[in-house]
Amino acid sequence: MARQTARRAAKSADGDATGDPRAPEPRPDAPESPQASPWPALAIERRPLASLVPYARNARLHSDVQIGQIAASMREWGWTQPILVSEDDTIIAGHGRVLAALRLGLDDAPVMVARGWSASKIRAYVIADNRLAENASWDREMLGAELTELRDQFDLSLTGFTVGEIDAMTVGDLPDLGVEYDESAASSVKFIKCPECGHEFPR
């Protein structure tokens, strides 16, 4: 009993394996710690764009229009998200930003390196990084209020929404044009649904 008490006292004095006496015991289901596998975001480096290699099996497609939108965003705000790369400089996340940066004539980019990641971990994250963002949704009332307030203060085309989408979400502030509602005409109007925000627009 005396030996067990002494061991507990020694552990309490020395702290856990991390050297922090205040640190609790890790849970069995806790995520990987940065000590076990360094988190990429802990260190930002710069790499020449020419050295970054696109992931050969990337299933995410970037249209010419979207690349132009990203380029316009970067021209306004600069680099706000580093590129995630593997240890051999293969792009894991940020293909669109790299293409936009090349279009802007930039020479290098901030990168985070995923050190110690297995091939399967990299492959899974390439998918997860793109898919998880799609699982979010918009508070359309809040979005409309934000766009309405920003409409006269900022170029809203930089938000990625089209002019038609912006008009539809801020139409509540337009003046009354004196046009009476025609129920028979309204019933014949067909709508299309935006795949990004879920808003329905008349054809």
N, C-alpha and C. Protein backbone atom coordinates (compact mmCIF):
# COMPACT_ATOMS: atom_id res chain seq x y z
N MET A 1 0.83 -1.21 0.00
CA MET A 1 0.00 0.00 0.00
C MET A 1 0.87 1.26 0.00
N ALA A 2 1.96 1.24 0.80
CA ALA A 2 2.84 2.40 0.87
C ALA A 2 3.49 2.67 -0.46
N ARG A 3 3.87 1.56 -1.19
CA ARG A 3 4.50 1.75 -2.50
C ARG A 3 3.53 2.37 -3.50
N GLN A 4 2.24 1.89 -3.50
CA GLN A 4 1.23 2.46 -4.41
C GLN A 4 1.01 3.93 -4.11
N THR A 5 0.96 4.29 -2.83
CA THR A 5 0.76 5.69 -2.46
C THR A 5 1.92 6.54 -2.94
N ALA A 6 3.15 6.00 -2.82
CA ALA A 6 4.33 6.74 -3.26
C ALA A 6 4.32 6.95 -4.77
N ARG A 7 3.89 5.88 -5.53
CA ARG A 7 3.83 6.02 -6.99
C ARG A 7 2.83 7.07 -7.41
N ARG A 8 1.64 7.08 -6.75
CA ARG A 8 0.63 8.07 -7.08
C ARG A 8 1.12 9.48 -6.78
N ALA A 9 1.83 9.63 -5.67
CA ALA A 9 2.36 10.94 -5.30
C ALA A 9 3.39 11.41 -6.31
N ALA A 10 4.23 10.48 -6.78
CA ALA A 10 5.26 10.84 -7.76
C ALA A 10 4.62 11.26 -9.07
N LYS A 11 3.57 10.52 -9.49
CA LYS A 11 2.89 10.87 -10.74
C LYS A 11 2.22 12.22 -10.63
N SER A 12 1.63 12.50 -9.47
CA SER A 12 0.97 13.79 -9.26
C SER A 12 1.96 14.91 -9.31
N ALA A 13 3.17 14.68 -8.78
CA ALA A 13 4.19 15.74 -8.76
C ALA A 13 4.78 15.97 -10.13
N ASP A 14 4.98 14.90 -10.89
CA ASP A 14 5.64 15.02 -12.19
C ASP A 14 4.70 15.40 -13.30
N GLY A 15 3.37 15.20 -13.16
CA GLY A 15 2.43 15.45 -14.24
C GLY A 15 2.36 14.27 -15.16
N ASP A 16 1.66 14.44 -16.29
CA ASP A 16 1.52 13.34 -17.23
C ASP A 16 2.70 13.30 -18.18
N ALA A 17 2.57 12.50 -19.26
CA ALA A 17 3.69 12.32 -20.19
C ALA A 17 4.06 13.58 -20.91
N THR A 18 3.15 14.55 -21.01
CA THR A 18 3.44 15.80 -21.71
C THR A 18 4.22 16.77 -20.86
N GLY A 19 4.38 16.46 -19.55
CA GLY A 19 5.10 17.35 -18.68
C GLY A 19 4.24 18.41 -18.05
N ASP A 20 2.97 18.42 -18.30
CA ASP A 20 2.05 19.41 -17.74
C ASP A 20 1.27 18.77 -16.60
N PRO A 21 1.53 19.17 -15.34
CA PRO A 21 0.83 18.54 -14.22
C PRO A 21 -0.66 18.81 -14.23
N ARG A 22 -1.11 19.79 -15.00
CA ARG A 22 -2.54 20.11 -15.03
C ARG A 22 -3.28 19.33 -16.11
N ALA A 23 -2.53 18.69 -17.00
CA ALA A 23 -3.16 18.01 -18.14
C ALA A 23 -3.89 16.76 -17.68
N PRO A 24 -5.16 16.58 -18.09
CA PRO A 24 -5.91 15.38 -17.72
C PRO A 24 -5.45 14.19 -18.55
N GLU A 25 -5.83 13.01 -18.12
CA GLU A 25 -5.54 11.80 -18.89
C GLU A 25 -6.30 11.88 -20.21
N PRO A 26 -5.66 11.54 -21.35
CA PRO A 26 -6.37 11.60 -22.65
C PRO A 26 -7.50 10.59 -22.72
N ARG A 27 -8.61 10.97 -23.35
CA ARG A 27 -9.72 10.05 -23.54
C ARG A 27 -9.34 9.02 -24.59
N PRO A 28 -9.90 7.81 -24.49
CA PRO A 28 -9.62 6.79 -25.52
C PRO A 28 -10.05 7.22 -26.91
N ASP A 29 -11.10 8.08 -27.00
CA ASP A 29 -11.60 8.49 -28.31
C ASP A 29 -11.11 9.88 -28.70
N ALA A 30 -10.08 10.39 -28.00
CA ALA A 30 -9.57 11.73 -28.30
C ALA A 30 -8.88 11.73 -29.66
N PRO A 31 -8.94 12.88 -30.40
CA PRO A 31 -8.24 12.95 -31.69
C PRO A 31 -6.74 12.88 -31.49
N GLU A 32 -6.03 12.62 -32.60
CA GLU A 32 -4.58 12.56 -32.52
C GLU A 32 -4.05 13.87 -31.96
N SER A 33 -3.09 13.78 -31.07
CA SER A 33 -2.49 14.99 -30.51
C SER A 33 -1.39 15.48 -31.43
N PRO A 34 -1.05 16.77 -31.36
CA PRO A 34 0.04 17.26 -32.21
C PRO A 34 1.37 16.62 -31.88
N GLN A 35 1.50 16.06 -30.63
CA GLN A 35 2.74 15.39 -30.30
C GLN A 35 2.86 14.07 -31.07
N ALA A 36 1.72 13.37 -31.22
CA ALA A 36 1.74 12.07 -31.91
C ALA A 36 1.88 12.25 -33.41
N SER A 37 1.15 13.20 -33.99
CA SER A 37 1.20 13.47 -35.42
C SER A 37 0.96 14.96 -35.60
N PRO A 38 1.99 15.76 -35.85
CA PRO A 38 1.87 17.22 -35.86
C PRO A 38 0.74 17.70 -36.76
N TRP A 39 -0.08 18.59 -36.23
CA TRP A 39 -1.16 19.15 -37.02
C TRP A 39 -0.57 20.08 -38.08
N PRO A 40 -0.99 19.96 -39.34
CA PRO A 40 -0.40 20.77 -40.42
C PRO A 40 -0.47 22.27 -40.15
N ALA A 41 -1.55 22.74 -39.53
CA ALA A 41 -1.72 24.18 -39.35
C ALA A 41 -0.78 24.78 -38.31
N LEU A 42 0.00 23.95 -37.61
CA LEU A 42 0.91 24.48 -36.61
C LEU A 42 2.09 25.22 -37.24
N ALA A 43 2.35 24.98 -38.51
CA ALA A 43 3.47 25.64 -39.18
C ALA A 43 3.09 25.97 -40.61
N ILE A 44 3.25 27.23 -41.00
CA ILE A 44 2.98 27.69 -42.37
C ILE A 44 4.32 27.97 -43.05
N GLU A 45 4.50 27.39 -44.23
CA GLU A 45 5.71 27.61 -45.01
C GLU A 45 5.32 28.24 -46.35
N ARG A 46 6.32 28.63 -47.12
CA ARG A 46 6.06 29.13 -48.46
C ARG A 46 6.77 28.23 -49.46
N ARG A 47 6.06 27.92 -50.54
CA ARG A 47 6.62 27.07 -51.59
C ARG A 47 6.35 27.71 -52.95
N PRO A 48 7.26 27.54 -53.92
CA PRO A 48 6.99 28.01 -55.28
C PRO A 48 5.78 27.26 -55.85
N LEU A 49 4.90 27.98 -56.52
CA LEU A 49 3.73 27.34 -57.12
C LEU A 49 4.14 26.25 -58.11
N ALA A 50 5.26 26.48 -58.79
CA ALA A 50 5.72 25.51 -59.79
C ALA A 50 6.11 24.17 -59.17
N SER A 51 6.36 24.16 -57.85
CA SER A 51 6.77 22.91 -57.21
C SER A 51 5.58 22.10 -56.70
N LEU A 52 4.38 22.68 -56.70
CA LEU A 52 3.21 21.99 -56.18
C LEU A 52 2.59 21.10 -57.26
N VAL A 53 2.32 19.86 -56.91
CA VAL A 53 1.84 18.86 -57.87
C VAL A 53 0.36 18.57 -57.62
N PRO A 54 -0.52 18.74 -58.62
CA PRO A 54 -1.94 18.41 -58.43
C PRO A 54 -2.11 16.93 -58.07
N TYR A 55 -3.07 16.64 -57.21
CA TYR A 55 -3.37 15.26 -56.84
C TYR A 55 -4.02 14.57 -58.04
N ALA A 56 -3.41 13.50 -58.50
CA ALA A 56 -3.82 12.86 -59.75
C ALA A 56 -5.26 12.34 -59.73
N ARG A 57 -5.76 11.96 -58.55
CA ARG A 57 -7.10 11.37 -58.47
C ARG A 57 -8.11 12.32 -57.81
N ASN A 58 -7.85 13.61 -57.92
CA ASN A 58 -8.78 14.58 -57.36
C ASN A 58 -10.11 14.56 -58.12
N ALA A 59 -11.20 14.27 -57.43
CA ALA A 59 -12.51 14.16 -58.08
C ALA A 59 -13.25 15.49 -58.14
N ARG A 60 -12.68 16.54 -57.56
CA ARG A 60 -13.34 17.85 -57.54
C ARG A 60 -12.95 18.61 -58.79
N LEU A 61 -13.95 19.13 -59.50
CA LEU A 61 -13.71 19.87 -60.74
C LEU A 61 -13.86 21.37 -60.49
N HIS A 62 -13.00 22.15 -61.12
CA HIS A 62 -13.06 23.61 -61.00
C HIS A 62 -13.28 24.20 -62.38
N SER A 63 -14.42 24.84 -62.56
CA SER A 63 -14.72 25.45 -63.86
C SER A 63 -13.90 26.71 -64.05
N ASP A 64 -13.81 27.14 -65.29
CA ASP A 64 -13.08 28.37 -65.59
C ASP A 64 -13.72 29.56 -64.88
N VAL A 65 -15.05 29.54 -64.78
CA VAL A 65 -15.75 30.64 -64.09
C VAL A 65 -15.39 30.66 -62.61
N GLN A 66 -15.38 29.49 -61.98
CA GLN A 66 -15.06 29.45 -60.55
C GLN A 66 -13.63 29.86 -60.28
N ILE A 67 -12.71 29.43 -61.13
CA ILE A 67 -11.32 29.84 -60.94
C ILE A 67 -11.21 31.36 -61.03
N GLY A 68 -11.96 31.96 -61.95
CA GLY A 68 -11.98 33.41 -62.06
C GLY A 68 -12.53 34.07 -60.80
N GLN A 69 -13.56 33.45 -60.20
CA GLN A 69 -14.12 33.98 -58.96
C GLN A 69 -13.11 33.90 -57.82
N ILE A 70 -12.41 32.78 -57.73
CA ILE A 70 -11.40 32.63 -56.69
C ILE A 70 -10.28 33.64 -56.89
N ALA A 71 -9.88 33.84 -58.15
CA ALA A 71 -8.83 34.81 -58.45
C ALA A 71 -9.26 36.21 -58.04
N ALA A 72 -10.52 36.57 -58.31
CA ALA A 72 -11.01 37.89 -57.92
C ALA A 72 -11.02 38.04 -56.40
N SER A 73 -11.40 36.95 -55.72
CA SER A 73 -11.39 36.96 -54.25
C SER A 73 -9.97 37.15 -53.72
N MET A 74 -9.00 36.45 -54.30
CA MET A 74 -7.61 36.57 -53.86
C MET A 74 -7.04 37.94 -54.16
N ARG A 75 -7.48 38.53 -55.27
CA ARG A 75 -7.03 39.88 -55.61
C ARG A 75 -7.51 40.89 -54.57
N GLU A 76 -8.70 40.65 -54.03
CA GLU A 76 -9.27 41.56 -53.02
C GLU A 76 -8.72 41.30 -51.63
N TRP A 77 -8.68 40.02 -51.23
CA TRP A 77 -8.34 39.69 -49.84
C TRP A 77 -6.97 39.04 -49.66
N GLY A 78 -6.33 38.63 -50.78
CA GLY A 78 -5.05 37.96 -50.67
C GLY A 78 -5.20 36.50 -50.26
N TRP A 79 -4.10 35.91 -49.79
CA TRP A 79 -4.12 34.52 -49.32
C TRP A 79 -4.76 34.48 -47.94
N THR A 80 -5.87 33.82 -47.80
CA THR A 80 -6.52 33.67 -46.49
C THR A 80 -6.53 32.22 -46.04
N GLN A 81 -6.21 31.30 -46.93
CA GLN A 81 -6.14 29.87 -46.61
C GLN A 81 -4.90 29.26 -47.25
N PRO A 82 -4.00 28.71 -46.47
CA PRO A 82 -2.83 28.05 -47.05
C PRO A 82 -3.24 26.80 -47.83
N ILE A 83 -2.35 26.34 -48.69
CA ILE A 83 -2.54 25.11 -49.43
C ILE A 83 -2.04 23.95 -48.56
N LEU A 84 -2.81 22.88 -48.48
CA LEU A 84 -2.38 21.70 -47.74
C LEU A 84 -1.68 20.76 -48.70
N VAL A 85 -0.44 20.40 -48.41
CA VAL A 85 0.33 19.52 -49.30
C VAL A 85 0.90 18.35 -48.51
N SER A 86 1.24 17.29 -49.22
CA SER A 86 1.90 16.15 -48.61
C SER A 86 3.40 16.44 -48.52
N GLU A 87 4.14 15.52 -47.98
CA GLU A 87 5.59 15.73 -47.83
C GLU A 87 6.33 15.77 -49.17
N ASP A 88 5.70 15.25 -50.23
CA ASP A 88 6.33 15.33 -51.55
C ASP A 88 5.71 16.44 -52.41
N ASP A 89 5.04 17.40 -51.74
CA ASP A 89 4.46 18.59 -52.39
C ASP A 89 3.26 18.31 -53.28
N THR A 90 2.60 17.17 -53.08
CA THR A 90 1.35 16.91 -53.79
C THR A 90 0.23 17.67 -53.08
N ILE A 91 -0.60 18.35 -53.85
CA ILE A 91 -1.69 19.15 -53.27
C ILE A 91 -2.76 18.22 -52.70
N ILE A 92 -3.11 18.43 -51.44
CA ILE A 92 -4.18 17.68 -50.80
C ILE A 92 -5.46 18.51 -50.79
N ALA A 93 -5.34 19.78 -50.45
CA ALA A 93 -6.48 20.69 -50.44
C ALA A 93 -6.02 22.05 -50.93
N GLY A 94 -6.80 22.62 -51.88
CA GLY A 94 -6.46 23.94 -52.39
C GLY A 94 -6.15 23.98 -53.87
N HIS A 95 -6.62 22.98 -54.61
CA HIS A 95 -6.36 22.97 -56.07
C HIS A 95 -6.90 24.24 -56.74
N GLY A 96 -8.10 24.65 -56.37
CA GLY A 96 -8.69 25.84 -56.99
C GLY A 96 -7.89 27.09 -56.70
N ARG A 97 -7.39 27.21 -55.47
CA ARG A 97 -6.60 28.38 -55.11
C ARG A 97 -5.27 28.41 -55.87
N VAL A 98 -4.68 27.24 -56.08
CA VAL A 98 -3.44 27.18 -56.84
C VAL A 98 -3.68 27.61 -58.29
N LEU A 99 -4.75 27.13 -58.89
CA LEU A 99 -5.07 27.52 -60.27
C LEU A 99 -5.34 29.02 -60.36
N ALA A 100 -6.03 29.57 -59.36
CA ALA A 100 -6.31 31.01 -59.35
C ALA A 100 -5.03 31.81 -59.17
N ALA A 101 -4.14 31.34 -58.31
CA ALA A 101 -2.88 32.03 -58.09
C ALA A 101 -2.02 32.04 -59.35
N LEU A 102 -2.03 30.93 -60.08
CA LEU A 102 -1.29 30.88 -61.35
C LEU A 102 -1.89 31.86 -62.35
N ARG A 103 -3.21 31.96 -62.36
CA ARG A 103 -3.86 32.91 -63.27
C ARG A 103 -3.48 34.35 -62.93
N LEU A 104 -3.28 34.60 -61.65
CA LEU A 104 -2.90 35.95 -61.20
C LEU A 104 -1.41 36.23 -61.40
N GLY A 105 -0.66 35.21 -61.82
CA GLY A 105 0.77 35.40 -62.04
C GLY A 105 1.60 35.40 -60.77
N LEU A 106 1.08 34.79 -59.69
CA LEU A 106 1.84 34.73 -58.45
C LEU A 106 2.93 33.67 -58.55
N ASP A 107 3.96 33.85 -57.75
CA ASP A 107 5.11 32.94 -57.82
C ASP A 107 5.10 31.86 -56.75
N ASP A 108 4.58 32.20 -55.56
CA ASP A 108 4.61 31.22 -54.48
C ASP A 108 3.31 31.25 -53.69
N ALA A 109 3.21 30.34 -52.73
CA ALA A 109 1.98 30.23 -51.94
C ALA A 109 2.31 29.77 -50.53
N PRO A 110 1.48 30.18 -49.56
CA PRO A 110 1.65 29.64 -48.20
C PRO A 110 1.14 28.20 -48.18
N VAL A 111 1.86 27.32 -47.56
CA VAL A 111 1.45 25.92 -47.51
C VAL A 111 1.53 25.37 -46.08
N MET A 112 0.72 24.36 -45.82
CA MET A 112 0.81 23.55 -44.61
C MET A 112 1.18 22.14 -45.08
N VAL A 113 2.12 21.51 -44.40
CA VAL A 113 2.57 20.19 -44.81
C VAL A 113 1.99 19.12 -43.88
N ALA A 114 1.31 18.15 -44.46
CA ALA A 114 0.75 17.03 -43.70
C ALA A 114 1.85 16.00 -43.52
N ARG A 115 2.57 16.11 -42.44
CA ARG A 115 3.71 15.21 -42.19
C ARG A 115 3.24 13.93 -41.50
N GLY A 116 3.74 12.81 -41.99
CA GLY A 116 3.43 11.53 -41.37
C GLY A 116 2.09 10.95 -41.75
N TRP A 117 1.39 11.57 -42.70
CA TRP A 117 0.08 11.05 -43.12
C TRP A 117 0.29 9.85 -44.05
N SER A 118 -0.50 8.82 -43.84
CA SER A 118 -0.45 7.66 -44.73
C SER A 118 -1.14 8.00 -46.05
N ALA A 119 -0.92 7.18 -47.07
CA ALA A 119 -1.55 7.40 -48.37
C ALA A 119 -3.07 7.37 -48.25
N SER A 120 -3.60 6.45 -47.44
CA SER A 120 -5.05 6.35 -47.30
C SER A 120 -5.62 7.56 -46.56
N LYS A 121 -4.87 8.07 -45.60
CA LYS A 121 -5.33 9.25 -44.87
C LYS A 121 -5.39 10.46 -45.79
N ILE A 122 -4.41 10.59 -46.66
CA ILE A 122 -4.41 11.68 -47.65
C ILE A 122 -5.59 11.54 -48.60
N ARG A 123 -5.80 10.35 -49.13
CA ARG A 123 -6.88 10.13 -50.09
C ARG A 123 -8.24 10.45 -49.47
N ALA A 124 -8.42 10.03 -48.22
CA ALA A 124 -9.70 10.28 -47.56
C ALA A 124 -9.91 11.77 -47.30
N TYR A 125 -8.84 12.49 -46.95
CA TYR A 125 -9.00 13.91 -46.66
C TYR A 125 -9.29 14.72 -47.93
N VAL A 126 -8.73 14.31 -49.05
CA VAL A 126 -9.04 15.00 -50.32
C VAL A 126 -10.55 15.00 -50.55
N ILE A 127 -11.19 13.89 -50.24
CA ILE A 127 -12.65 13.80 -50.39
C ILE A 127 -13.36 14.58 -49.30
N ALA A 128 -12.93 14.38 -48.06
CA ALA A 128 -13.61 15.02 -46.92
C ALA A 128 -13.55 16.54 -47.00
N ASP A 129 -12.41 17.07 -47.40
CA ASP A 129 -12.25 18.53 -47.46
C ASP A 129 -13.28 19.16 -48.39
N ASN A 130 -13.58 18.49 -49.48
CA ASN A 130 -14.55 19.01 -50.43
C ASN A 130 -15.99 18.72 -50.01
N ARG A 131 -16.22 17.55 -49.47
CA ARG A 131 -17.59 17.15 -49.16
C ARG A 131 -18.14 17.81 -47.90
N LEU A 132 -17.34 17.93 -46.86
CA LEU A 132 -17.85 18.46 -45.60
C LEU A 132 -18.40 19.88 -45.74
N ALA A 133 -17.77 20.69 -46.59
CA ALA A 133 -18.25 22.06 -46.80
C ALA A 133 -19.64 22.06 -47.44
N GLU A 134 -19.90 21.04 -48.26
CA GLU A 134 -21.20 20.97 -48.94
C GLU A 134 -22.34 20.63 -47.98
N ASN A 135 -22.00 20.09 -46.82
CA ASN A 135 -23.03 19.69 -45.87
C ASN A 135 -23.58 20.85 -45.04
N ALA A 136 -23.02 22.03 -45.20
CA ALA A 136 -23.54 23.21 -44.52
C ALA A 136 -24.72 23.77 -45.31
N SER A 137 -25.50 24.63 -44.67
CA SER A 137 -26.63 25.27 -45.36
C SER A 137 -26.65 26.75 -44.99
N TRP A 138 -27.48 27.51 -45.68
CA TRP A 138 -27.58 28.95 -45.45
C TRP A 138 -28.79 29.29 -44.60
N ASP A 139 -28.61 30.25 -43.70
CA ASP A 139 -29.75 30.92 -43.07
C ASP A 139 -30.14 32.01 -44.06
N ARG A 140 -31.14 31.74 -44.90
CA ARG A 140 -31.44 32.62 -46.02
C ARG A 140 -31.89 34.01 -45.56
N GLU A 141 -32.59 34.07 -44.44
CA GLU A 141 -33.02 35.37 -43.93
C GLU A 141 -31.81 36.21 -43.51
N MET A 142 -30.88 35.58 -42.79
CA MET A 142 -29.68 36.29 -42.37
C MET A 142 -28.81 36.67 -43.56
N LEU A 143 -28.67 35.73 -44.51
CA LEU A 143 -27.88 36.01 -45.71
C LEU A 143 -28.46 37.18 -46.48
N GLY A 144 -29.79 37.18 -46.65
CA GLY A 144 -30.42 38.28 -47.37
C GLY A 144 -30.20 39.61 -46.67
N ALA A 145 -30.26 39.60 -45.34
CA ALA A 145 -30.04 40.84 -44.58
C ALA A 145 -28.61 41.34 -44.76
N GLU A 146 -27.65 40.40 -44.72
CA GLU A 146 -26.25 40.79 -44.89
C GLU A 146 -25.99 41.37 -46.29
N LEU A 147 -26.53 40.71 -47.31
CA LEU A 147 -26.34 41.19 -48.67
C LEU A 147 -27.00 42.54 -48.88
N THR A 148 -28.17 42.71 -48.29
CA THR A 148 -28.88 43.99 -48.42
C THR A 148 -28.08 45.12 -47.82
N GLU A 149 -27.50 44.90 -46.65
CA GLU A 149 -26.73 45.95 -45.99
C GLU A 149 -25.41 46.24 -46.70
N LEU A 150 -24.84 45.21 -47.33
CA LEU A 150 -23.56 45.38 -48.01
C LEU A 150 -23.70 45.88 -49.45
N ARG A 151 -24.91 45.84 -49.97
CA ARG A 151 -25.13 46.07 -51.40
C ARG A 151 -24.54 47.39 -51.89
N ASP A 152 -24.66 48.45 -51.10
CA ASP A 152 -24.17 49.76 -51.51
C ASP A 152 -22.78 50.06 -50.98
N GLN A 153 -22.15 49.09 -50.32
CA GLN A 153 -20.86 49.34 -49.69
C GLN A 153 -19.73 48.49 -50.27
N PHE A 154 -20.10 47.41 -50.97
CA PHE A 154 -19.06 46.48 -51.40
C PHE A 154 -19.49 45.79 -52.69
N ASP A 155 -18.51 45.34 -53.46
CA ASP A 155 -18.79 44.61 -54.70
C ASP A 155 -19.22 43.19 -54.35
N LEU A 156 -20.52 42.94 -54.38
CA LEU A 156 -21.05 41.65 -53.95
C LEU A 156 -20.74 40.52 -54.92
N SER A 157 -20.26 40.84 -56.11
CA SER A 157 -19.88 39.76 -57.03
C SER A 157 -18.72 38.95 -56.46
N LEU A 158 -17.96 39.55 -55.54
CA LEU A 158 -16.83 38.87 -54.92
C LEU A 158 -17.29 37.80 -53.93
N THR A 159 -18.57 37.79 -53.59
CA THR A 159 -19.08 36.77 -52.66
C THR A 159 -19.31 35.43 -53.34
N GLY A 160 -19.31 35.42 -54.67
CA GLY A 160 -19.55 34.17 -55.39
C GLY A 160 -20.99 34.01 -55.84
N PHE A 161 -21.89 34.88 -55.36
CA PHE A 161 -23.28 34.83 -55.81
C PHE A 161 -23.42 35.60 -57.11
N THR A 162 -24.35 35.15 -57.96
CA THR A 162 -24.60 35.85 -59.21
C THR A 162 -25.47 37.07 -58.95
N VAL A 163 -25.55 37.95 -59.93
CA VAL A 163 -26.38 39.14 -59.81
C VAL A 163 -27.84 38.74 -59.58
N GLY A 164 -28.31 37.71 -60.31
CA GLY A 164 -29.69 37.26 -60.15
C GLY A 164 -29.97 36.75 -58.75
N GLU A 165 -29.03 35.99 -58.20
CA GLU A 165 -29.20 35.47 -56.84
C GLU A 165 -29.22 36.60 -55.83
N ILE A 166 -28.33 37.57 -56.00
CA ILE A 166 -28.27 38.70 -55.07
C ILE A 166 -29.55 39.51 -55.15
N ASP A 167 -30.03 39.78 -56.37
CA ASP A 167 -31.27 40.54 -56.53
C ASP A 167 -32.44 39.81 -55.89
N ALA A 168 -32.49 38.49 -56.05
CA ALA A 168 -33.61 37.72 -55.50
C ALA A 168 -33.61 37.76 -53.98
N MET A 169 -32.44 37.80 -53.37
CA MET A 169 -32.36 37.78 -51.92
C MET A 169 -32.46 39.17 -51.30
N THR A 170 -32.34 40.21 -52.12
CA THR A 170 -32.45 41.58 -51.60
C THR A 170 -33.64 42.32 -52.20
N VAL A 171 -34.50 41.58 -52.91
CA VAL A 171 -35.61 42.21 -53.63
C VAL A 171 -36.59 42.88 -52.69
N GLY A 172 -36.60 42.50 -51.42
CA GLY A 172 -37.53 43.10 -50.47
C GLY A 172 -37.34 44.58 -50.29
N ASP A 173 -36.13 45.08 -50.60
CA ASP A 173 -35.86 46.49 -50.43
C ASP A 173 -36.10 47.31 -51.71
N LEU A 174 -36.53 46.65 -52.79
CA LEU A 174 -36.77 47.38 -54.03
C LEU A 174 -38.05 48.20 -53.92
N PRO A 175 -38.13 49.35 -54.58
CA PRO A 175 -39.33 50.18 -54.48
C PRO A 175 -40.53 49.53 -55.15
N ASP A 176 -41.71 49.90 -54.72
CA ASP A 176 -42.95 49.40 -55.31
C ASP A 176 -43.11 50.00 -56.69
N LEU A 177 -43.16 49.15 -57.69
CA LEU A 177 -43.27 49.64 -59.08
C LEU A 177 -44.72 49.78 -59.52
N GLY A 178 -45.66 49.49 -58.63
CA GLY A 178 -47.06 49.69 -58.96
C GLY A 178 -47.64 48.61 -59.83
N VAL A 179 -46.98 47.46 -59.94
CA VAL A 179 -47.48 46.36 -60.77
C VAL A 179 -48.36 45.48 -59.90
N GLU A 180 -49.59 45.26 -60.35
CA GLU A 180 -50.51 44.44 -59.58
C GLU A 180 -50.18 42.95 -59.75
N TYR A 181 -50.45 42.22 -58.71
CA TYR A 181 -50.20 40.78 -58.72
C TYR A 181 -51.23 40.08 -59.61
N ASP A 182 -50.74 39.30 -60.54
CA ASP A 182 -51.60 38.57 -61.47
C ASP A 182 -51.52 37.09 -61.11
N GLU A 183 -52.54 36.58 -60.41
CA GLU A 183 -52.52 35.21 -59.92
C GLU A 183 -52.47 34.21 -61.06
N SER A 184 -53.18 34.47 -62.14
CA SER A 184 -53.19 33.53 -63.27
C SER A 184 -51.82 33.45 -63.93
N ALA A 185 -51.14 34.59 -64.02
CA ALA A 185 -49.79 34.58 -64.61
C ALA A 185 -48.80 33.92 -63.67
N ALA A 186 -48.97 34.16 -62.37
CA ALA A 186 -48.04 33.60 -61.38
C ALA A 186 -48.08 32.08 -61.38
N SER A 187 -49.25 31.50 -61.60
CA SER A 187 -49.36 30.05 -61.55
C SER A 187 -48.64 29.37 -62.70
N SER A 188 -48.36 30.12 -63.76
CA SER A 188 -47.69 29.53 -64.91
C SER A 188 -46.18 29.69 -64.87
N VAL A 189 -45.67 30.41 -63.85
CA VAL A 189 -44.23 30.64 -63.75
C VAL A 189 -43.54 29.37 -63.25
N LYS A 190 -42.45 29.00 -63.91
CA LYS A 190 -41.67 27.85 -63.49
C LYS A 190 -40.42 28.34 -62.76
N PHE A 191 -39.96 27.53 -61.79
CA PHE A 191 -38.84 27.92 -60.97
C PHE A 191 -37.69 26.93 -61.11
N ILE A 192 -36.49 27.43 -60.91
CA ILE A 192 -35.31 26.57 -60.84
C ILE A 192 -34.68 26.78 -59.47
N LYS A 193 -34.07 25.73 -58.94
CA LYS A 193 -33.49 25.78 -57.59
C LYS A 193 -31.98 25.85 -57.68
N CYS A 194 -31.41 26.84 -56.97
CA CYS A 194 -29.96 26.99 -56.93
C CYS A 194 -29.36 25.84 -56.11
N PRO A 195 -28.42 25.08 -56.69
CA PRO A 195 -27.84 23.95 -55.96
C PRO A 195 -26.96 24.37 -54.79
N GLU A 196 -26.52 25.64 -54.77
CA GLU A 196 -25.63 26.10 -53.71
C GLU A 196 -26.40 26.59 -52.49
N CYS A 197 -27.38 27.51 -52.70
CA CYS A 197 -28.06 28.11 -51.55
C CYS A 197 -29.47 27.58 -51.35
N GLY A 198 -30.00 26.83 -52.33
CA GLY A 198 -31.33 26.26 -52.17
C GLY A 198 -32.45 27.22 -52.51
N HIS A 199 -32.12 28.46 -52.91
CA HIS A 199 -33.15 29.44 -53.25
C HIS A 199 -33.76 29.11 -54.61
N GLU A 200 -35.07 29.36 -54.76
CA GLU A 200 -35.76 29.10 -56.03
C GLU A 200 -35.93 30.42 -56.78
N PHE A 201 -35.60 30.39 -58.07
CA PHE A 201 -35.67 31.58 -58.90
C PHE A 201 -36.61 31.31 -60.07
N PRO A 202 -37.41 32.33 -60.47
CA PRO A 202 -38.27 32.15 -61.65
C PRO A 202 -37.42 32.06 -62.90
N ARG A 203 -37.86 31.21 -63.82
CA ARG A 203 -37.14 31.08 -65.09
C ARG A 203 -37.27 32.36 -65.91
